Amino acid sequence: MELLMFEQAGCIYCARWNEEVAPEYPKTREGRLAPLRRLDLHGKLPPDLTIARSPVFTPTFVLVIDGVEKGRIEGYPGEDFFWALLDGLIGEADAAVTK
């Protein structure tokens, strides 16, 4: 499981996420379950990834399992909402994998 973060230069919401969440992310349960992988919004998608559609907004967070999209969060709604949304995505992905 991996969390992709699509970002671009000048994105104020990316900067807020970097300030509010990024320092603690790798230390959290979520960060250990789904390590962060940063990608440029305008860059080419790496060949090991398959996502439903190209992101339009930054930041866009895409949860992938074995390189395949399982869910996404478009935009950054603030720290509290981000964690709740991410926990929901991870929970849904875990349930789908263990079925």
Protein backbone atom coordinates (compact mmCIF):
# COMPACT_ATOMS: atom_id res chain seq x y z
CA MET A 1 0.00 0.00 0.00
CA GLU A 2 1.26 3.46 -0.88
CA LEU A 3 -0.12 7.01 -0.74
CA LEU A 4 0.65 9.05 -3.83
CA MET A 5 0.66 12.83 -3.48
CA PHE A 6 0.29 14.71 -6.74
CA GLU A 7 1.58 18.25 -6.27
CA GLN A 8 2.84 21.24 -8.23
CA ALA A 9 4.99 24.28 -7.58
CA GLY A 10 3.10 27.21 -6.11
CA CYS A 11 0.27 25.10 -4.66
CA ILE A 12 -0.71 26.79 -1.38
CA TYR A 13 -2.69 23.76 -0.21
CA CYS A 14 0.33 21.52 -0.82
CA ALA A 15 2.38 23.94 1.28
CA ARG A 16 -0.23 23.77 4.07
CA TRP A 17 -0.18 19.95 3.97
CA ASN A 18 3.63 20.01 4.03
CA GLU A 19 3.53 22.24 7.11
CA GLU A 20 0.67 20.58 9.01
CA VAL A 21 0.92 16.87 8.12
CA ALA A 22 4.18 15.99 6.36
CA PRO A 23 6.49 16.12 9.41
CA GLU A 24 4.39 13.64 11.38
CA TYR A 25 3.09 11.49 8.51
CA PRO A 26 5.90 8.89 8.42
CA LYS A 27 5.62 8.46 12.22
CA THR A 28 1.91 7.60 12.14
CA ARG A 29 0.08 4.30 11.67
CA GLU A 30 -1.17 5.60 8.32
CA GLY A 31 2.34 6.55 7.25
CA ARG A 32 3.64 3.10 8.09
CA LEU A 33 0.77 1.35 6.28
CA ALA A 34 0.88 3.64 3.23
CA PRO A 35 4.25 5.37 2.81
CA LEU A 36 4.12 8.65 0.89
CA ARG A 37 5.32 8.92 -2.70
CA ARG A 38 5.35 12.42 -4.20
CA LEU A 39 4.61 12.96 -7.88
CA ASP A 40 4.52 16.10 -10.00
CA LEU A 41 1.02 16.82 -11.32
CA HIS A 42 2.48 17.62 -14.74
CA GLY A 43 4.95 14.73 -14.82
CA LYS A 44 4.58 11.41 -16.54
CA LEU A 45 2.93 8.69 -14.47
CA PRO A 46 5.47 6.00 -13.57
CA PRO A 47 4.85 2.70 -15.39
CA ASP A 48 4.31 0.80 -12.13
CA LEU A 49 1.13 2.80 -11.37
CA THR A 50 -2.44 2.48 -12.65
CA ILE A 51 -4.91 5.16 -11.60
CA ALA A 52 -8.54 5.72 -12.55
CA ARG A 53 -7.98 9.18 -14.02
CA SER A 54 -5.31 11.84 -14.14
CA PRO A 55 -5.48 14.24 -11.20
CA VAL A 56 -6.58 17.79 -11.93
CA PHE A 57 -6.27 19.45 -8.53
CA THR A 58 -3.34 19.71 -6.15
CA PRO A 59 -2.82 18.18 -3.86
CA THR A 60 -4.50 14.95 -4.89
CA PHE A 61 -3.80 11.92 -2.73
CA VAL A 62 -4.25 8.50 -4.34
CA LEU A 63 -4.13 5.34 -2.27
CA VAL A 64 -2.73 2.42 -4.27
CA ILE A 65 -2.27 -1.26 -3.53
CA ASP A 66 0.20 -3.09 -5.75
CA GLY A 67 0.29 0.05 -7.92
CA VAL A 68 -3.48 0.13 -8.56
CA GLU A 69 -5.72 2.94 -7.32
CA LYS A 70 -8.09 2.05 -4.48
CA GLY A 71 -9.27 5.55 -3.57
CA ARG A 72 -8.40 9.22 -3.58
CA ILE A 73 -8.70 12.52 -1.75
CA GLU A 74 -8.86 15.55 -4.00
CA GLY A 75 -7.59 18.70 -2.36
CA TYR A 76 -6.52 19.29 1.22
CA PRO A 77 -9.48 19.93 3.53
CA GLY A 78 -7.36 20.65 6.61
CA GLU A 79 -5.50 18.37 8.98
CA ASP A 80 -8.45 16.94 10.93
CA PHE A 81 -10.50 16.11 7.84
CA PHE A 82 -7.47 14.74 6.01
CA TRP A 83 -6.76 12.14 8.70
CA ALA A 84 -10.40 11.06 8.85
CA LEU A 85 -10.64 10.73 5.06
CA LEU A 86 -7.36 8.84 4.85
CA ASP A 87 -8.39 6.46 7.64
CA GLY A 88 -11.58 5.75 5.69
CA LEU A 89 -9.65 5.01 2.48
CA ILE A 90 -7.22 2.72 4.27
CA GLY A 91 -10.09 0.92 6.00
CA GLU A 92 -11.93 0.37 2.70
CA ALA A 93 -8.74 -0.81 0.99
CA ASP A 94 -7.93 -3.21 3.84
CA ALA A 95 -11.46 -4.65 3.67
CA ALA A 96 -11.20 -5.14 -0.10
CA VAL A 97 -7.84 -6.90 0.22
CA THR A 98 -8.93 -9.25 2.98
CA LYS A 99 -12.16 -10.38 1.25
